[in-house]
């Protein structure tokens, strides 16, 4: 397997690990939200693959598709990490042991 493909799969795996760890830090009722970070990362990756594959077809480069896969993986990881940051900010970065916040009012 070419090194670019190996690195791409490694980046995808890192995104999965990061989302899993982020989910563990969320309260029990909010943990499913961590899966949405993977949806965002996957969406960015698929869009990158679609655009990149179209561009590579125009240049006929032998490693072009490998480069596109690596780029899509990197952008997907970046989107997943950004989504995790937004999720943590939204949740107030509460630890699971803190439980739900008392309602105001």
PDB file of N, CA and C in Angstrom:
ATOM      1  N   UNK A   1       0.855  -1.174   0.000  1.00  0.00           N
ATOM      2  CA  UNK A   1       0.000   0.000   0.000  1.00  0.00           C
ATOM      3  C   UNK A   1       0.904   1.242   0.000  1.00  0.00           C
ATOM      4  N   UNK A   2       0.631   2.202  -0.857  1.00  0.00           N
ATOM      5  CA  UNK A   2       1.443   3.423  -0.907  1.00  0.00           C
ATOM      6  C   UNK A   2       1.375   4.185   0.415  1.00  0.00           C
ATOM      7  N   UNK A   3       2.451   4.885   0.729  1.00  0.00           N
ATOM      8  CA  UNK A   3       2.553   5.603   2.001  1.00  0.00           C
ATOM      9  C   UNK A   3       1.475   6.682   2.143  1.00  0.00           C
ATOM     10  N   UNK A   4       1.087   7.321   1.037  1.00  0.00           N
ATOM     11  CA  UNK A   4       0.046   8.360   1.116  1.00  0.00           C
ATOM     12  C   UNK A   4      -1.291   7.771   1.561  1.00  0.00           C
ATOM     13  N   UNK A   5      -1.590   6.600   1.088  1.00  0.00           N
ATOM     14  CA  UNK A   5      -2.833   5.929   1.481  1.00  0.00           C
ATOM     15  C   UNK A   5      -2.750   5.522   2.949  1.00  0.00           C
ATOM     16  N   UNK A   6      -1.604   5.011   3.363  1.00  0.00           N
ATOM     17  CA  UNK A   6      -1.403   4.634   4.764  1.00  0.00           C
ATOM     18  C   UNK A   6      -1.569   5.843   5.674  1.00  0.00           C
ATOM     19  N   UNK A   7      -0.964   6.955   5.298  1.00  0.00           N
ATOM     20  CA  UNK A   7      -1.103   8.178   6.099  1.00  0.00           C
ATOM     21  C   UNK A   7      -2.551   8.666   6.127  1.00  0.00           C
ATOM     22  N   UNK A   8      -3.235   8.549   5.009  1.00  0.00           N
ATOM     23  CA  UNK A   8      -4.639   8.955   4.953  1.00  0.00           C
ATOM     24  C   UNK A   8      -5.502   8.153   5.906  1.00  0.00           C
ATOM     25  N   UNK A   9      -5.319   6.835   5.898  1.00  0.00           N
ATOM     26  CA  UNK A   9      -6.076   5.988   6.820  1.00  0.00           C
ATOM     27  C   UNK A   9      -5.699   6.273   8.273  1.00  0.00           C
ATOM     28  N   UNK A  10      -4.434   6.608   8.511  1.00  0.00           N
ATOM     29  CA  UNK A  10      -4.002   6.964   9.859  1.00  0.00           C
ATOM     30  C   UNK A  10      -4.712   8.224  10.333  1.00  0.00           C
ATOM     31  N   UNK A  11      -4.840   9.203   9.470  1.00  0.00           N
ATOM     32  CA  UNK A  11      -5.542  10.440   9.837  1.00  0.00           C
ATOM     33  C   UNK A  11      -7.023  10.174  10.121  1.00  0.00           C
ATOM     34  N   UNK A  12      -7.626   9.303   9.338  1.00  0.00           N
ATOM     35  CA  UNK A  12      -9.025   8.937   9.583  1.00  0.00           C
ATOM     36  C   UNK A  12      -9.147   8.259  10.957  1.00  0.00           C
ATOM     37  N   UNK A  13      -8.227   7.363  11.256  1.00  0.00           N
ATOM     38  CA  UNK A  13      -8.228   6.699  12.559  1.00  0.00           C
ATOM     39  C   UNK A  13      -8.053   7.678  13.708  1.00  0.00           C
ATOM     40  N   UNK A  14      -7.185   8.675  13.526  1.00  0.00           N
ATOM     41  CA  UNK A  14      -7.001   9.688  14.566  1.00  0.00           C
ATOM     42  C   UNK A  14      -8.289  10.474  14.803  1.00  0.00           C
ATOM     43  N   UNK A  15      -9.017  10.762  13.740  1.00  0.00           N
ATOM     44  CA  UNK A  15     -10.301  11.447  13.890  1.00  0.00           C
ATOM     45  C   UNK A  15     -11.300  10.612  14.670  1.00  0.00           C
ATOM     46  N   UNK A  16     -11.326   9.310  14.393  1.00  0.00           N
ATOM     47  CA  UNK A  16     -12.219   8.412  15.123  1.00  0.00           C
ATOM     48  C   UNK A  16     -11.861   8.350  16.604  1.00  0.00           C
ATOM     49  N   UNK A  17     -10.580   8.276  16.894  1.00  0.00           N
ATOM     50  CA  UNK A  17     -10.132   8.249  18.286  1.00  0.00           C
ATOM     51  C   UNK A  17     -10.493   9.552  18.988  1.00  0.00           C
ATOM     52  N   UNK A  18     -10.233  10.678  18.332  1.00  0.00           N
ATOM     53  CA  UNK A  18     -10.529  11.978  18.942  1.00  0.00           C
ATOM     54  C   UNK A  18     -12.022  12.127  19.233  1.00  0.00           C
ATOM     55  N   UNK A  19     -12.871  11.692  18.302  1.00  0.00           N
ATOM     56  CA  UNK A  19     -14.318  11.789  18.523  1.00  0.00           C
ATOM     57  C   UNK A  19     -14.751  10.876  19.663  1.00  0.00           C
ATOM     58  N   UNK A  20     -14.174   9.698  19.738  1.00  0.00           N
ATOM     59  CA  UNK A  20     -14.494   8.778  20.826  1.00  0.00           C
ATOM     60  C   UNK A  20     -14.102   9.339  22.175  1.00  0.00           C
ATOM     61  N   UNK A  21     -12.910   9.904  22.260  1.00  0.00           N
ATOM     62  CA  UNK A  21     -12.465  10.498  23.523  1.00  0.00           C
ATOM     63  C   UNK A  21     -13.306  11.712  23.898  1.00  0.00           C
ATOM     64  N   UNK A  22     -13.686  12.496  22.893  1.00  0.00           N
ATOM     65  CA  UNK A  22     -14.556  13.648  23.175  1.00  0.00           C
ATOM     66  C   UNK A  22     -15.900  13.176  23.706  1.00  0.00           C
ATOM     67  N   UNK A  23     -16.421  12.099  23.151  1.00  0.00           N
ATOM     68  CA  UNK A  23     -17.691  11.563  23.621  1.00  0.00           C
ATOM     69  C   UNK A  23     -17.619  11.065  25.055  1.00  0.00           C
ATOM     70  N   UNK A  24     -16.484  10.499  25.432  1.00  0.00           N
ATOM     71  CA  UNK A  24     -16.325  10.016  26.802  1.00  0.00           C
ATOM     72  C   UNK A  24     -16.345  11.157  27.819  1.00  0.00           C
ATOM     73  N   UNK A  25     -15.926  12.346  27.392  1.00  0.00           N
ATOM     74  CA  UNK A  25     -15.899  13.493  28.303  1.00  0.00           C
ATOM     75  C   UNK A  25     -17.259  14.164  28.452  1.00  0.00           C
ATOM     76  N   UNK A  26     -18.189  13.830  27.592  1.00  0.00           N
ATOM     77  CA  UNK A  26     -19.513  14.451  27.645  1.00  0.00           C
ATOM     78  C   UNK A  26     -20.410  13.714  28.634  1.00  0.00           C
ATOM     79  N   UNK A  27     -21.414  14.422  29.168  1.00  0.00           N
ATOM     80  CA  UNK A  27     -22.391  13.737  30.022  1.00  0.00           C
ATOM     81  C   UNK A  27     -23.112  12.647  29.226  1.00  0.00           C
ATOM     82  N   UNK A  28     -23.619  11.652  29.930  1.00  0.00           N
ATOM     83  CA  UNK A  28     -24.203  10.475  29.285  1.00  0.00           C
ATOM     84  C   UNK A  28     -25.264  10.829  28.249  1.00  0.00           C
ATOM     85  N   UNK A  29     -26.102  11.788  28.498  1.00  0.00           N
ATOM     86  CA  UNK A  29     -27.167  12.136  27.563  1.00  0.00           C
ATOM     87  C   UNK A  29     -26.697  12.877  26.328  1.00  0.00           C
ATOM     88  N   UNK A  30     -25.479  13.392  26.355  1.00  0.00           N
ATOM     89  CA  UNK A  30     -24.960  14.195  25.240  1.00  0.00           C
ATOM     90  C   UNK A  30     -23.921  13.465  24.404  1.00  0.00           C
ATOM     91  N   UNK A  31     -23.607  12.238  24.729  1.00  0.00           N
ATOM     92  CA  UNK A  31     -22.498  11.543  24.070  1.00  0.00           C
ATOM     93  C   UNK A  31     -22.734  11.279  22.594  1.00  0.00           C
ATOM     94  N   UNK A  32     -23.972  11.126  22.190  1.00  0.00           N
ATOM     95  CA  UNK A  32     -24.248  10.868  20.775  1.00  0.00           C
ATOM     96  C   UNK A  32     -23.828  12.043  19.900  1.00  0.00           C
ATOM     97  N   UNK A  33     -23.756  13.237  20.498  1.00  0.00           N
ATOM     98  CA  UNK A  33     -23.342  14.421  19.742  1.00  0.00           C
ATOM     99  C   UNK A  33     -21.919  14.281  19.219  1.00  0.00           C
ATOM    100  N   UNK A  34     -21.089  13.497  19.884  1.00  0.00           N
ATOM    101  CA  UNK A  34     -19.714  13.296  19.410  1.00  0.00           C
ATOM    102  C   UNK A  34     -19.702  12.609  18.046  1.00  0.00           C
ATOM    103  N   UNK A  35     -20.706  11.789  17.771  1.00  0.00           N
ATOM    104  CA  UNK A  35     -20.772  11.126  16.467  1.00  0.00           C
ATOM    105  C   UNK A  35     -21.008  12.132  15.343  1.00  0.00           C
ATOM    106  N   UNK A  36     -21.663  13.230  15.661  1.00  0.00           N
ATOM    107  CA  UNK A  36     -21.902  14.248  14.635  1.00  0.00           C
ATOM    108  C   UNK A  36     -20.607  14.895  14.162  1.00  0.00           C
ATOM    109  N   UNK A  37     -19.586  14.903  15.014  1.00  0.00           N
ATOM    110  CA  UNK A  37     -18.299  15.443  14.572  1.00  0.00           C
ATOM    111  C   UNK A  37     -17.709  14.580  13.458  1.00  0.00           C
ATOM    112  N   UNK A  38     -17.997  13.283  13.495  1.00  0.00           N
ATOM    113  CA  UNK A  38     -17.536  12.390  12.428  1.00  0.00           C
ATOM    114  C   UNK A  38     -18.308  12.626  11.141  1.00  0.00           C
ATOM    115  N   UNK A  39     -19.575  12.982  11.273  1.00  0.00           N
ATOM    116  CA  UNK A  39     -20.383  13.290  10.093  1.00  0.00           C
ATOM    117  C   UNK A  39     -19.812  14.525   9.394  1.00  0.00           C
ATOM    118  N   UNK A  40     -19.460  15.534  10.185  1.00  0.00           N
ATOM    119  CA  UNK A  40     -18.877  16.758   9.606  1.00  0.00           C
ATOM    120  C   UNK A  40     -17.553  16.434   8.917  1.00  0.00           C
ATOM    121  N   UNK A  41     -16.678  15.700   9.601  1.00  0.00           N
ATOM    122  CA  UNK A  41     -15.386  15.337   9.009  1.00  0.00           C
ATOM    123  C   UNK A  41     -15.543  14.490   7.760  1.00  0.00           C
ATOM    124  N   UNK A  42     -16.471  13.536   7.807  1.00  0.00           N
ATOM    125  CA  UNK A  42     -16.721  12.697   6.630  1.00  0.00           C
ATOM    126  C   UNK A  42     -17.267  13.503   5.465  1.00  0.00           C
ATOM    127  N   UNK A  43     -18.130  14.444   5.762  1.00  0.00           N
ATOM    128  CA  UNK A  43     -18.681  15.299   4.707  1.00  0.00           C
ATOM    129  C   UNK A  43     -17.607  16.118   4.025  1.00  0.00           C
ATOM    130  N   UNK A  44     -16.719  16.694   4.809  1.00  0.00           N
ATOM    131  CA  UNK A  44     -15.616  17.466   4.229  1.00  0.00           C
ATOM    132  C   UNK A  44     -14.718  16.554   3.396  1.00  0.00           C
ATOM    133  N   UNK A  45     -14.452  15.359   3.891  1.00  0.00           N
ATOM    134  CA  UNK A  45     -13.619  14.414   3.143  1.00  0.00           C
ATOM    135  C   UNK A  45     -14.235  14.014   1.817  1.00  0.00           C
ATOM    136  N   UNK A  46     -15.535  13.740   1.818  1.00  0.00           N
ATOM    137  CA  UNK A  46     -16.216  13.331   0.580  1.00  0.00           C
ATOM    138  C   UNK A  46     -16.227  14.479  -0.434  1.00  0.00           C
ATOM    139  N   UNK A  47     -16.487  15.685   0.033  1.00  0.00           N
ATOM    140  CA  UNK A  47     -16.468  16.839  -0.874  1.00  0.00           C
ATOM    141  C   UNK A  47     -15.075  17.011  -1.480  1.00  0.00           C
ATOM    142  N   UNK A  48     -14.045  16.864  -0.646  1.00  0.00           N
ATOM    143  CA  UNK A  48     -12.674  16.989  -1.142  1.00  0.00           C
ATOM    144  C   UNK A  48     -12.361  15.902  -2.170  1.00  0.00           C
ATOM    145  N   UNK A  49     -12.812  14.677  -1.905  1.00  0.00           N
ATOM    146  CA  UNK A  49     -12.596  13.597  -2.870  1.00  0.00           C
ATOM    147  C   UNK A  49     -13.296  13.882  -4.194  1.00  0.00           C
ATOM    148  N   UNK A  50     -14.516  14.388  -4.114  1.00  0.00           N
ATOM    149  CA  UNK A  50     -15.276  14.663  -5.337  1.00  0.00           C
ATOM    150  C   UNK A  50     -14.595  15.731  -6.189  1.00  0.00           C
ATOM    151  N   UNK A  51     -14.205  16.812  -5.553  1.00  0.00           N
ATOM    152  CA  UNK A  51     -13.554  17.901  -6.300  1.00  0.00           C
ATOM    153  C   UNK A  51     -12.168  17.469  -6.761  1.00  0.00           C
ATOM    154  N   UNK A  52     -11.418  16.829  -5.864  1.00  0.00           N
ATOM    155  CA  UNK A  52     -10.056  16.417  -6.201  1.00  0.00           C
ATOM    156  C   UNK A  52      -9.998  15.391  -7.311  1.00  0.00           C
ATOM    157  N   UNK A  53     -10.930  14.442  -7.304  1.00  0.00           N
ATOM    158  CA  UNK A  53     -10.943  13.429  -8.366  1.00  0.00           C
ATOM    159  C   UNK A  53     -11.206  14.060  -9.721  1.00  0.00           C
ATOM    160  N   UNK A  54     -12.042  15.067  -9.747  1.00  0.00           N
ATOM    161  CA  UNK A  54     -12.323  15.775 -10.994  1.00  0.00           C
ATOM    162  C   UNK A  54     -11.080  16.511 -11.486  1.00  0.00           C
ATOM    163  N   UNK A  55     -10.346  17.117 -10.574  1.00  0.00           N
ATOM    164  CA  UNK A  55      -9.126  17.849 -10.949  1.00  0.00           C
ATOM    165  C   UNK A  55      -8.049  16.879 -11.418  1.00  0.00           C
ATOM    166  N   UNK A  56      -7.881  15.760 -10.739  1.00  0.00           N
ATOM    167  CA  UNK A  56      -6.849  14.787 -11.106  1.00  0.00           C
ATOM    168  C   UNK A  56      -7.118  14.202 -12.484  1.00  0.00           C
ATOM    169  N   UNK A  57      -8.384  14.000 -12.824  1.00  0.00           N
ATOM    170  CA  UNK A  57      -8.718  13.478 -14.153  1.00  0.00           C
ATOM    171  C   UNK A  57      -8.179  14.366 -15.261  1.00  0.00           C
ATOM    172  N   UNK A  58      -8.084  15.668 -14.993  1.00  0.00           N
ATOM    173  CA  UNK A  58      -7.603  16.602 -16.001  1.00  0.00           C
ATOM    174  C   UNK A  58      -6.089  16.546 -16.188  1.00  0.00           C
ATOM    175  N   UNK A  59      -5.339  16.065 -15.186  1.00  0.00           N
ATOM    176  CA  UNK A  59      -3.877  16.113 -15.239  1.00  0.00           C
ATOM    177  C   UNK A  59      -3.218  14.765 -15.504  1.00  0.00           C
ATOM    178  N   UNK A  60      -3.926  13.666 -15.325  1.00  0.00           N
ATOM    179  CA  UNK A  60      -3.393  12.328 -15.573  1.00  0.00           C
ATOM    180  C   UNK A  60      -2.087  12.059 -14.823  1.00  0.00           C
ATOM    181  N   UNK A  61      -2.017  12.492 -13.580  1.00  0.00           N
ATOM    182  CA  UNK A  61      -0.849  12.240 -12.742  1.00  0.00           C
ATOM    183  C   UNK A  61      -1.001  10.860 -12.096  1.00  0.00           C
ATOM    184  N   UNK A  62       0.080  10.079 -12.045  1.00  0.00           N
ATOM    185  CA  UNK A  62      -0.021   8.704 -11.558  1.00  0.00           C
ATOM    186  C   UNK A  62      -0.332   8.631 -10.062  1.00  0.00           C
ATOM    187  N   UNK A  63       0.153   9.560  -9.260  1.00  0.00           N
ATOM    188  CA  UNK A  63      -0.110   9.542  -7.820  1.00  0.00           C
ATOM    189  C   UNK A  63      -1.182  10.559  -7.422  1.00  0.00           C
ATOM    190  N   UNK A  64      -1.871  11.090  -8.376  1.00  0.00           N
ATOM    191  CA  UNK A  64      -2.858  12.133  -8.099  1.00  0.00           C
ATOM    192  C   UNK A  64      -3.961  11.701  -7.149  1.00  0.00           C
ATOM    193  N   UNK A  65      -4.487  10.509  -7.366  1.00  0.00           N
ATOM    194  CA  UNK A  65      -5.577  10.039  -6.513  1.00  0.00           C
ATOM    195  C   UNK A  65      -5.095   9.771  -5.084  1.00  0.00           C
ATOM    196  N   UNK A  66      -3.857   9.326  -4.961  1.00  0.00           N
ATOM    197  CA  UNK A  66      -3.291   9.130  -3.629  1.00  0.00           C
ATOM    198  C   UNK A  66      -3.176  10.472  -2.899  1.00  0.00           C
ATOM    199  N   UNK A  67      -2.733  11.492  -3.619  1.00  0.00           N
ATOM    200  CA  UNK A  67      -2.624  12.829  -3.028  1.00  0.00           C
ATOM    201  C   UNK A  67      -3.993  13.372  -2.630  1.00  0.00           C
ATOM    202  N   UNK A  68      -4.982  13.139  -3.463  1.00  0.00           N
ATOM    203  CA  UNK A  68      -6.337  13.604  -3.162  1.00  0.00           C
ATOM    204  C   UNK A  68      -6.873  12.896  -1.926  1.00  0.00           C
ATOM    205  N   UNK A  69      -6.636  11.592  -1.812  1.00  0.00           N
ATOM    206  CA  UNK A  69      -7.094  10.844  -0.644  1.00  0.00           C
ATOM    207  C   UNK A  69      -6.421  11.370   0.627  1.00  0.00           C
ATOM    208  N   UNK A  70      -5.125  11.636   0.572  1.00  0.00           N
ATOM    209  CA  UNK A  70      -4.411  12.163   1.729  1.00  0.00           C
ATOM    210  C   UNK A  70      -4.944  13.547   2.096  1.00  0.00           C
ATOM    211  N   UNK A  71      -5.162  14.396   1.108  1.00  0.00           N
ATOM    212  CA  UNK A  71      -5.705  15.727   1.371  1.00  0.00           C
ATOM    213  C   UNK A  71      -7.107  15.641   1.965  1.00  0.00           C
ATOM    214  N   UNK A  72      -7.939  14.773   1.419  1.00  0.00           N
ATOM    215  CA  UNK A  72      -9.300  14.616   1.938  1.00  0.00           C
ATOM    216  C   UNK A  72      -9.276  14.114   3.381  1.00  0.00           C
ATOM    217  N   UNK A  73      -8.371  13.220   3.687  1.00  0.00           N
ATOM    218  CA  UNK A  73      -8.246  12.708   5.050  1.00  0.00           C
ATOM    219  C   UNK A  73      -7.796  13.805   6.007  1.00  0.00           C
ATOM    220  N   UNK A  74      -6.832  14.602   5.576  1.00  0.00           N
ATOM    221  CA  UNK A  74      -6.328  15.686   6.423  1.00  0.00           C
ATOM    222  C   UNK A  74      -7.403  16.743   6.658  1.00  0.00           C
ATOM    223  N   UNK A  75      -8.120  17.121   5.605  1.00  0.00           N
ATOM    224  CA  UNK A  75      -9.187  18.122   5.777  1.00  0.00           C
ATOM    225  C   UNK A  75     -10.336  17.573   6.614  1.00  0.00           C
ATOM    226  N   UNK A  76     -10.649  16.290   6.435  1.00  0.00           N
ATOM    227  CA  UNK A  76     -11.684  15.657   7.254  1.00  0.00           C
ATOM    228  C   UNK A  76     -11.295  15.625   8.724  1.00  0.00           C
ATOM    229  N   UNK A  77     -10.023  15.317   9.001  1.00  0.00           N
ATOM    230  CA  UNK A  77      -9.543  15.337  10.380  1.00  0.00           C
ATOM    231  C   UNK A  77      -9.636  16.749  10.952  1.00  0.00           C
ATOM    232  N   UNK A  78      -9.232  17.736  10.170  1.00  0.00           N
ATOM    233  CA  UNK A  78      -9.318  19.118  10.636  1.00  0.00           C
ATOM    234  C   UNK A  78     -10.746  19.525  10.950  1.00  0.00           C
ATOM    235  N   UNK A  79     -11.672  19.128  10.099  1.00  0.00           N
ATOM    236  CA  UNK A  79     -13.082  19.451  10.337  1.00  0.00           C
ATOM    237  C   UNK A  79     -13.617  18.725  11.572  1.00  0.00           C
ATOM    238  N   UNK A  80     -13.187  17.480  11.763  1.00  0.00           N
ATOM    239  CA  UNK A  80     -13.607  16.728  12.949  1.00  0.00           C
ATOM    240  C   UNK A  80     -13.077  17.393  14.213  1.00  0.00           C
ATOM    241  N   UNK A  81     -11.812  17.783  14.218  1.00  0.00           N
ATOM    242  CA  UNK A  81     -11.234  18.428  15.392  1.00  0.00           C
ATOM    243  C   UNK A  81     -11.884  19.782  15.671  1.00  0.00           C
ATOM    244  N   UNK A  82     -12.180  20.537  14.615  1.00  0.00           N
ATOM    245  CA  UNK A  82     -12.872  21.817  14.804  1.00  0.00           C
ATOM    246  C   UNK A  82     -14.272  21.590  15.369  1.00  0.00           C
ATOM    247  N   UNK A  83     -14.948  20.553  14.895  1.00  0.00           N
ATOM    248  CA  UNK A  83     -16.281  20.228  15.405  1.00  0.00           C
ATOM    249  C   UNK A  83     -16.222  19.809  16.870  1.00  0.00           C
ATOM    250  N   UNK A  84     -15.186  19.072  17.228  1.00  0.00           N
ATOM    251  CA  UNK A  84     -15.016  18.670  18.625  1.00  0.00           C
ATOM    252  C   UNK A  84     -14.804  19.908  19.501  1.00  0.00           C
ATOM    253  N   UNK A  85     -14.011  20.850  19.013  1.00  0.00           N
ATOM    254  CA  UNK A  85     -13.793  22.087  19.776  1.00  0.00           C
ATOM    255  C   UNK A  85     -15.103  22.838  19.972  1.00  0.00           C
ATOM    256  N   UNK A  86     -15.912  22.918  18.923  1.00  0.00           N
ATOM    257  CA  UNK A  86     -17.216  23.578  19.050  1.00  0.00           C
ATOM    258  C   UNK A  86     -18.129  22.835  20.016  1.00  0.00           C
ATOM    259  N   UNK A  87     -18.096  21.517  19.958  1.00  0.00           N
ATOM    260  CA  UNK A  87     -18.921  20.703  20.849  1.00  0.00           C
ATOM    261  C   UNK A  87     -18.507  20.891  22.300  1.00  0.00           C
ATOM    262  N   UNK A  88     -17.221  20.906  22.551  1.00  0.00           N
ATOM    263  CA  UNK A  88     -16.736  21.099  23.913  1.00  0.00           C
ATOM    264  C   UNK A  88     -17.095  22.487  24.429  1.00  0.00           C
ATOM    265  N   UNK A  89     -16.993  23.469  23.553  1.00  0.00           N
ATOM    266  CA  UNK A  89     -17.355  24.833  23.959  1.00  0.00           C
ATOM    267  C   UNK A  89     -18.846  24.922  24.259  1.00  0.00           C
ATOM    268  N   UNK A  90     -19.649  24.282  23.438  1.00  0.00           N
ATOM    269  CA  UNK A  90     -21.096  24.299  23.641  1.00  0.00           C
ATOM    270  C   UNK A  90     -21.495  23.595  24.928  1.00  0.00           C
ATOM    271  N   UNK A  91     -20.807  22.517  25.226  1.00  0.00           N
ATOM    272  CA  UNK A  91     -21.156  21.747  26.421  1.00  0.00           C
ATOM    273  C   UNK A  91     -20.518  22.325  27.686  1.00  0.00           C
ATOM    274  N   UNK A  92     -19.714  23.346  27.547  1.00  0.00           N
ATOM    275  CA  UNK A  92     -19.063  23.944  28.709  1.00  0.00           C
ATOM    276  C   UNK A  92     -17.932  23.094  29.249  1.00  0.00           C
ATOM    277  N   UNK A  93     -17.499  22.112  28.466  1.00  0.00           N
ATOM    278  CA  UNK A  93     -16.406  21.222  28.834  1.00  0.00           C
ATOM    279  C   UNK A  93     -16.632  20.604  30.206  1.00  0.00           C
ATOM    280  N   UNK A  94     -17.855  20.169  30.450  1.00  0.00           N
ATOM    281  CA  UNK A  94     -18.188  19.521  31.722  1.00  0.00           C
ATOM    282  C   UNK A  94     -17.676  18.091  31.716  1.00  0.00           C
ATOM    283  N   UNK A  95     -17.197  17.668  32.833  1.00  0.00           N
ATOM    284  CA  UNK A  95     -16.801  16.268  32.981  1.00  0.00           C
ATOM    285  C   UNK A  95     -18.055  15.439  33.209  1.00  0.00           C
ATOM    286  N   UNK A  96     -18.074  14.168  32.810  1.00  0.00           N
ATOM    287  CA  UNK A  96     -19.265  13.332  32.985  1.00  0.00           C
ATOM    288  C   UNK A  96     -19.706  13.211  34.440  1.00  0.00           C
ATOM    289  N   UNK A  97     -18.784  13.302  35.395  1.00  0.00           N
ATOM    290  CA  UNK A  97     -19.148  13.136  36.789  1.00  0.00           C
ATOM    291  C   UNK A  97     -19.879  14.340  37.351  1.00  0.00           C
ATOM    292  N   UNK A  98     -19.837  15.470  36.661  1.00  0.00           N
ATOM    293  CA  UNK A  98     -20.508  16.668  37.162  1.00  0.00           C
ATOM    294  C   UNK A  98     -22.013  16.582  37.028  1.00  0.00           C
ATOM    295  N   UNK A  99     -22.496  15.776  36.120  1.00  0.00           N
ATOM    296  CA  UNK A  99     -23.933  15.635  35.934  1.00  0.00           C
ATOM    297  C   UNK A  99     -24.542  16.850  35.273  1.00  0.00           C
ATOM    298  N   UNK A 100     -25.856  16.861  35.170  1.00  0.00           N
ATOM    299  CA  UNK A 100     -26.510  17.966  34.500  1.00  0.00           C
ATOM    300  C   UNK A 100     -26.469  19.233  35.347  1.00  0.00           C
ATOM    301  N   UNK A 101     -26.462  20.344  34.654  1.00  0.00           N
ATOM    302  CA  UNK A 101     -26.484  21.630  35.352  1.00  0.00           C
ATOM    303  C   UNK A 101     -27.894  21.909  35.849  1.00  0.00           C
ATOM    304  N   UNK A 102     -28.017  22.525  37.018  1.00  0.00           N
ATOM    305  CA  UNK A 102     -29.354  22.865  37.499  1.00  0.00           C
ATOM    306  C   UNK A 102     -29.980  23.890  36.573  1.00  0.00           C
ATOM    307  N   UNK A 103     -31.272  23.727  36.338  1.00  0.00           N
ATOM    308  CA  UNK A 103     -31.952  24.655  35.439  1.00  0.00           C
ATOM    309  C   UNK A 103     -32.155  25.989  36.124  1.00  0.00           C
ATOM    310  N   UNK A 104     -32.029  27.022  35.314  1.00  0.00           N
ATOM    311  CA  UNK A 104     -32.203  28.377  35.843  1.00  0.00           C
ATOM    312  C   UNK A 104     -33.682  28.725  35.793  1.00  0.00           C
ATOM    313  N   UNK A 105     -34.155  29.361  36.829  1.00  0.00           N
ATOM    314  CA  UNK A 105     -35.538  29.825  36.805  1.00  0.00           C
ATOM    315  C   UNK A 105     -36.365  29.279  37.830  1.00  0.00           C
TER     316      UNK A 105
END
